[in-house]
Amino acid sequence: MQIEGKKRTLRRIVISSLFVILFGVVGTLMLKYEVEGETNMPFKLTKISIVSTASGINREGTTENWNLELIQNNDIYLNFQKNNQNNNDVFIKKVSIENITIKEQPAKGEVKFYRAIAEGSNTNINKEEYSIKQKVEYSGDTESNLEQLKIGNQGGIVGIRCAIENLGEYVSNNTEIRIDGTLLKETNVTPEDLFMKIGFDIILEVTSGVRYKAYAELDLPCGNIIEEGICKNDITDLKEIVFKRF
């Protein structure tokens, strides 16, 4: 009887130990997933590009050559590429940028969000019809087209514009002026006045129905546009942007 009792005790110890090990392994894997997220997604976010400058909307009914309402623009582009190490035969169904929030407000002006345009385009999108409240969604298609809200289903670019409006006005009778961040010198705006931080969710859905979600924060503008006029920054170190299934 004593031997049988010892055997039962030993079995309980072994089973308990196995459960402890199992829970430990599961806990480690869950913690690893929380930190690292998906390590082999079918598509990867490979780069975030920020282009910061300033522009102006010409006021109508004025006698001066230039009577501009000044705006500081930050165009943000997210580049997705196919992961060739993932053998799943899926395509991008849609990508959305959601829950856009202002984590730190600039000292001057009013922040608004708009749809993105192709880099170098002269289209004025700082209008209510292009504004984003909480979300913008890009559908998978044969190729990317920012203005049509399309992303290539084998990889492409999506984006948003973050603008600081009501920064003052620029009035001049010069025949030509340089329309970029240097215009803000005329309003006594400093780089510190423009600094802001925004956050947003990035959601990628593939044709198999799987959805991935990550959170990103960015400091804007990406440089001293008041002196340089226009600044660009390509962010490729994206280890803090972790995608998880949801």
Protein backbone atom coordinates (compact mmCIF):
# COMPACT_ATOMS: atom_id res chain seq x y z
CA MET A 1 0.00 0.00 0.00
CA GLN A 2 2.84 2.31 0.85
CA ILE A 3 4.39 1.68 -2.57
CA GLU A 4 1.09 2.33 -4.37
CA GLY A 5 0.70 5.58 -2.46
CA LYS A 6 4.17 6.67 -3.49
CA LYS A 7 3.37 5.85 -7.11
CA ARG A 8 0.19 7.92 -7.01
CA THR A 9 2.09 10.79 -5.45
CA LEU A 10 4.79 10.51 -8.09
CA ARG A 11 2.17 10.52 -10.89
CA ARG A 12 0.59 13.64 -9.42
CA ILE A 13 3.97 15.33 -9.28
CA VAL A 14 4.75 14.34 -12.89
CA ILE A 15 1.32 15.49 -14.15
CA SER A 16 1.55 18.75 -12.20
CA SER A 17 5.04 19.33 -13.58
CA LEU A 18 3.82 18.70 -17.11
CA PHE A 19 1.00 21.19 -16.65
CA VAL A 20 3.43 23.77 -15.25
CA ILE A 21 5.74 23.25 -18.23
CA LEU A 22 2.80 23.39 -20.67
CA PHE A 23 1.43 26.60 -19.17
CA GLY A 24 4.94 28.02 -19.12
CA VAL A 25 5.44 27.25 -22.82
CA VAL A 26 2.02 28.66 -23.72
CA GLY A 27 2.67 31.78 -21.63
CA THR A 28 6.07 32.28 -23.26
CA LEU A 29 4.58 31.91 -26.75
CA MET A 30 1.78 34.37 -25.90
CA LEU A 31 4.28 36.88 -24.52
CA LYS A 32 6.47 36.42 -27.59
CA TYR A 33 3.46 37.04 -29.85
CA GLU A 34 2.52 40.18 -27.90
CA VAL A 35 6.03 41.55 -28.36
CA GLU A 36 6.85 40.34 -31.88
CA GLY A 37 3.42 39.81 -33.44
CA GLU A 38 3.20 38.04 -36.80
CA THR A 39 6.66 37.10 -38.07
CA ASN A 40 5.67 35.71 -41.47
CA MET A 41 2.83 37.82 -42.85
CA PRO A 42 1.99 37.45 -46.56
CA PHE A 43 2.62 41.19 -46.96
CA LYS A 44 4.94 43.39 -44.93
CA LEU A 45 4.97 47.09 -44.13
CA THR A 46 8.49 47.90 -45.35
CA LYS A 47 8.63 51.70 -45.23
CA ILE A 48 6.81 54.79 -44.00
CA SER A 49 7.68 57.95 -45.91
CA ILE A 50 6.87 61.43 -44.63
CA VAL A 51 7.01 64.53 -46.83
CA SER A 52 6.61 67.80 -44.92
CA THR A 53 6.25 71.27 -46.43
CA ALA A 54 3.79 74.18 -46.53
CA SER A 55 1.39 75.59 -49.08
CA GLY A 56 -1.24 78.26 -49.34
CA ILE A 57 -4.78 78.74 -50.58
CA ASN A 58 -5.17 81.99 -52.47
CA ARG A 59 -8.00 84.15 -51.18
CA GLU A 60 -10.39 85.41 -53.84
CA GLY A 61 -11.39 89.02 -54.36
CA THR A 62 -8.06 90.55 -53.34
CA THR A 63 -5.96 93.09 -55.26
CA GLU A 64 -2.57 91.64 -54.31
CA ASN A 65 -0.82 89.08 -56.50
CA TRP A 66 -0.66 86.75 -53.51
CA ASN A 67 -2.97 86.59 -50.53
CA LEU A 68 -2.46 83.11 -49.14
CA GLU A 69 -3.98 81.30 -46.21
CA LEU A 70 -0.98 79.25 -45.04
CA ILE A 71 -1.11 75.50 -44.35
CA GLN A 72 1.59 73.12 -43.16
CA ASN A 73 1.20 69.73 -44.88
CA ASN A 74 2.57 66.31 -43.92
CA ASP A 75 2.00 63.59 -46.49
CA ILE A 76 2.42 60.11 -45.00
CA TYR A 77 2.89 57.08 -47.25
CA LEU A 78 2.83 53.43 -46.11
CA ASN A 79 4.54 50.96 -48.43
CA PHE A 80 3.45 47.30 -48.38
CA GLN A 81 5.45 44.61 -50.19
CA LYS A 82 4.78 40.93 -50.79
CA ASN A 83 6.67 38.62 -48.45
CA ASN A 84 8.37 36.12 -50.78
CA GLN A 85 9.12 33.83 -47.83
CA ASN A 86 5.41 33.31 -47.25
CA ASN A 87 3.96 30.68 -49.57
CA ASN A 88 0.28 31.50 -48.99
CA ASP A 89 -1.37 32.30 -52.31
CA VAL A 90 -3.33 35.34 -51.12
CA PHE A 91 -3.78 38.92 -52.27
CA ILE A 92 -4.41 42.21 -50.53
CA LYS A 93 -8.15 42.70 -50.15
CA LYS A 94 -7.97 46.08 -48.44
CA VAL A 95 -5.83 48.28 -46.22
CA SER A 96 -7.29 50.90 -43.91
CA ILE A 97 -5.90 53.62 -41.65
CA GLU A 98 -8.25 54.00 -38.70
CA ASN A 99 -8.72 55.61 -35.29
CA ILE A 100 -6.51 58.58 -36.14
CA THR A 101 -5.76 60.59 -33.03
CA ILE A 102 -3.66 63.61 -32.11
CA LYS A 103 -1.41 62.57 -29.23
CA GLU A 104 0.26 66.00 -28.93
CA GLN A 105 -1.30 69.13 -30.41
CA PRO A 106 0.84 71.76 -32.16
CA ALA A 107 1.14 75.10 -30.35
CA LYS A 108 -0.42 76.94 -33.30
CA GLY A 109 -3.03 76.18 -35.93
CA GLU A 110 -5.72 73.54 -36.29
CA VAL A 111 -5.01 69.93 -37.27
CA LYS A 112 -7.04 68.22 -40.00
CA PHE A 113 -6.65 64.96 -41.88
CA TYR A 114 -7.19 64.38 -45.60
CA ARG A 115 -6.80 61.67 -48.19
CA ALA A 116 -3.32 61.40 -49.69
CA ILE A 117 -2.21 62.34 -53.20
CA ALA A 118 0.69 61.09 -55.28
CA GLU A 119 4.00 62.63 -54.31
CA GLY A 120 4.65 65.73 -56.42
CA SER A 121 1.00 66.19 -57.42
CA ASN A 122 -0.34 69.75 -57.42
CA THR A 123 -3.92 68.72 -56.67
CA ASN A 124 -5.39 70.68 -53.76
CA ILE A 125 -6.93 68.16 -51.38
CA ASN A 126 -7.24 70.44 -48.34
CA LYS A 127 -10.98 70.53 -48.84
CA GLU A 128 -13.89 69.18 -46.80
CA GLU A 129 -14.79 66.67 -49.51
CA TYR A 130 -11.41 64.96 -49.04
CA SER A 131 -11.32 65.13 -45.24
CA ILE A 132 -10.93 62.06 -43.03
CA LYS A 133 -12.73 61.83 -39.73
CA GLN A 134 -11.64 58.48 -38.30
CA LYS A 135 -10.89 56.15 -41.20
CA VAL A 136 -9.74 55.85 -44.82
CA GLU A 137 -9.88 52.55 -46.72
CA TYR A 138 -7.97 51.38 -49.81
CA SER A 139 -9.31 48.44 -51.86
CA GLY A 140 -7.02 45.90 -53.47
CA ASP A 141 -6.73 46.33 -57.25
CA THR A 142 -4.32 45.65 -60.08
CA GLU A 143 -2.22 48.69 -59.11
CA SER A 144 -2.11 51.47 -56.53
CA ASN A 145 -3.92 54.75 -57.09
CA LEU A 146 -4.02 57.07 -54.09
CA GLU A 147 -6.66 59.39 -55.48
CA GLN A 148 -8.97 56.47 -56.30
CA LEU A 149 -8.32 54.80 -52.92
CA LYS A 150 -6.77 51.70 -54.46
CA ILE A 151 -3.73 49.63 -53.48
CA GLY A 152 -2.04 47.01 -55.66
CA ASN A 153 -3.22 43.58 -54.55
CA GLN A 154 0.38 42.31 -54.73
CA GLY A 155 1.74 45.28 -52.78
CA GLY A 156 1.55 49.03 -53.02
CA ILE A 157 1.16 52.36 -51.24
CA VAL A 158 -1.55 53.91 -49.08
CA GLY A 159 -1.46 57.18 -47.17
CA ILE A 160 -2.97 60.18 -45.45
CA ARG A 161 -2.27 63.90 -45.23
CA CYS A 162 -1.99 65.56 -41.84
CA ALA A 163 -2.34 69.33 -42.17
CA ILE A 164 -2.01 72.23 -39.75
CA GLU A 165 -4.31 74.99 -40.97
CA ASN A 166 -5.04 78.57 -39.88
CA LEU A 167 -1.36 79.40 -39.46
CA GLY A 168 -1.74 82.94 -40.76
CA GLU A 169 -1.56 84.61 -44.15
CA TYR A 170 1.06 85.67 -46.64
CA VAL A 171 0.39 88.82 -48.68
CA SER A 172 2.68 89.97 -51.49
CA ASN A 173 2.66 91.76 -54.83
CA ASN A 174 5.69 89.85 -56.11
CA THR A 175 5.12 88.16 -59.43
CA GLU A 176 6.74 84.92 -58.24
CA ILE A 177 7.17 83.40 -54.80
CA ARG A 178 8.55 80.17 -53.40
CA ILE A 179 5.62 78.11 -52.12
CA ASP A 180 7.02 75.80 -49.44
CA GLY A 181 7.81 75.83 -45.75
CA THR A 182 9.86 79.02 -45.96
CA LEU A 183 6.60 80.96 -46.33
CA LEU A 184 5.97 80.34 -42.64
CA LYS A 185 8.79 82.73 -41.76
CA GLU A 186 6.39 85.53 -42.67
CA THR A 187 4.04 84.49 -39.84
CA ASN A 188 6.74 84.16 -37.13
CA VAL A 189 5.93 80.46 -36.77
CA THR A 190 8.76 78.43 -35.24
CA PRO A 191 9.52 74.69 -35.63
CA GLU A 192 8.47 74.25 -31.99
CA ASP A 193 5.05 75.73 -32.83
CA LEU A 194 4.52 73.04 -35.45
CA PHE A 195 5.65 69.96 -33.52
CA MET A 196 2.93 67.37 -33.06
CA LYS A 197 2.48 63.63 -32.55
CA ILE A 198 -0.23 61.51 -34.14
CA GLY A 199 -1.26 57.88 -33.74
CA PHE A 200 -3.34 55.52 -35.88
CA ASP A 201 -4.21 51.88 -36.49
CA ILE A 202 -3.14 50.11 -39.67
CA ILE A 203 -5.36 47.22 -40.75
CA LEU A 204 -4.42 44.81 -43.53
CA GLU A 205 -6.95 42.25 -44.79
CA VAL A 206 -6.02 39.55 -47.29
CA THR A 207 -8.30 37.57 -49.59
CA SER A 208 -8.29 34.52 -47.29
CA GLY A 209 -10.20 36.64 -44.77
CA VAL A 210 -7.32 36.99 -42.28
CA ARG A 211 -6.92 40.49 -40.83
CA TYR A 212 -3.81 42.00 -39.25
CA LYS A 213 -3.71 45.11 -37.10
CA ALA A 214 -0.87 47.35 -35.88
CA TYR A 215 -0.57 50.72 -34.15
CA ALA A 216 1.82 53.48 -35.26
CA GLU A 217 2.86 56.84 -33.83
CA LEU A 218 4.67 59.57 -35.78
CA ASP A 219 6.31 62.88 -34.90
CA LEU A 220 5.54 65.66 -37.38
CA PRO A 221 6.82 67.57 -39.32
CA CYS A 222 9.78 65.40 -40.27
CA GLY A 223 12.30 68.28 -40.33
CA ASN A 224 12.84 72.04 -40.14
CA ILE A 225 10.70 73.04 -43.10
CA ILE A 226 10.86 76.74 -42.16
CA GLU A 227 14.54 76.79 -43.15
CA GLU A 228 14.65 73.94 -45.67
CA GLY A 229 11.26 74.47 -47.34
CA ILE A 230 10.55 70.78 -47.78
CA CYS A 231 11.76 67.74 -45.84
CA LYS A 232 11.45 64.02 -46.48
CA ASN A 233 12.09 61.10 -44.15
CA ASP A 234 11.94 57.39 -45.03
CA ILE A 235 11.41 55.25 -41.94
CA THR A 236 12.52 51.65 -42.48
CA ASP A 237 13.15 50.65 -38.87
CA LEU A 238 9.59 49.57 -38.09
CA LYS A 239 10.20 47.06 -35.30
CA GLU A 240 7.89 49.00 -32.96
CA ILE A 241 4.97 48.59 -35.38
CA VAL A 242 3.75 45.11 -34.54
CA PHE A 243 1.01 43.40 -36.57
CA LYS A 244 -1.27 40.85 -34.90
CA ARG A 245 -4.27 38.89 -36.08
CA PHE A 246 -7.62 40.08 -34.78
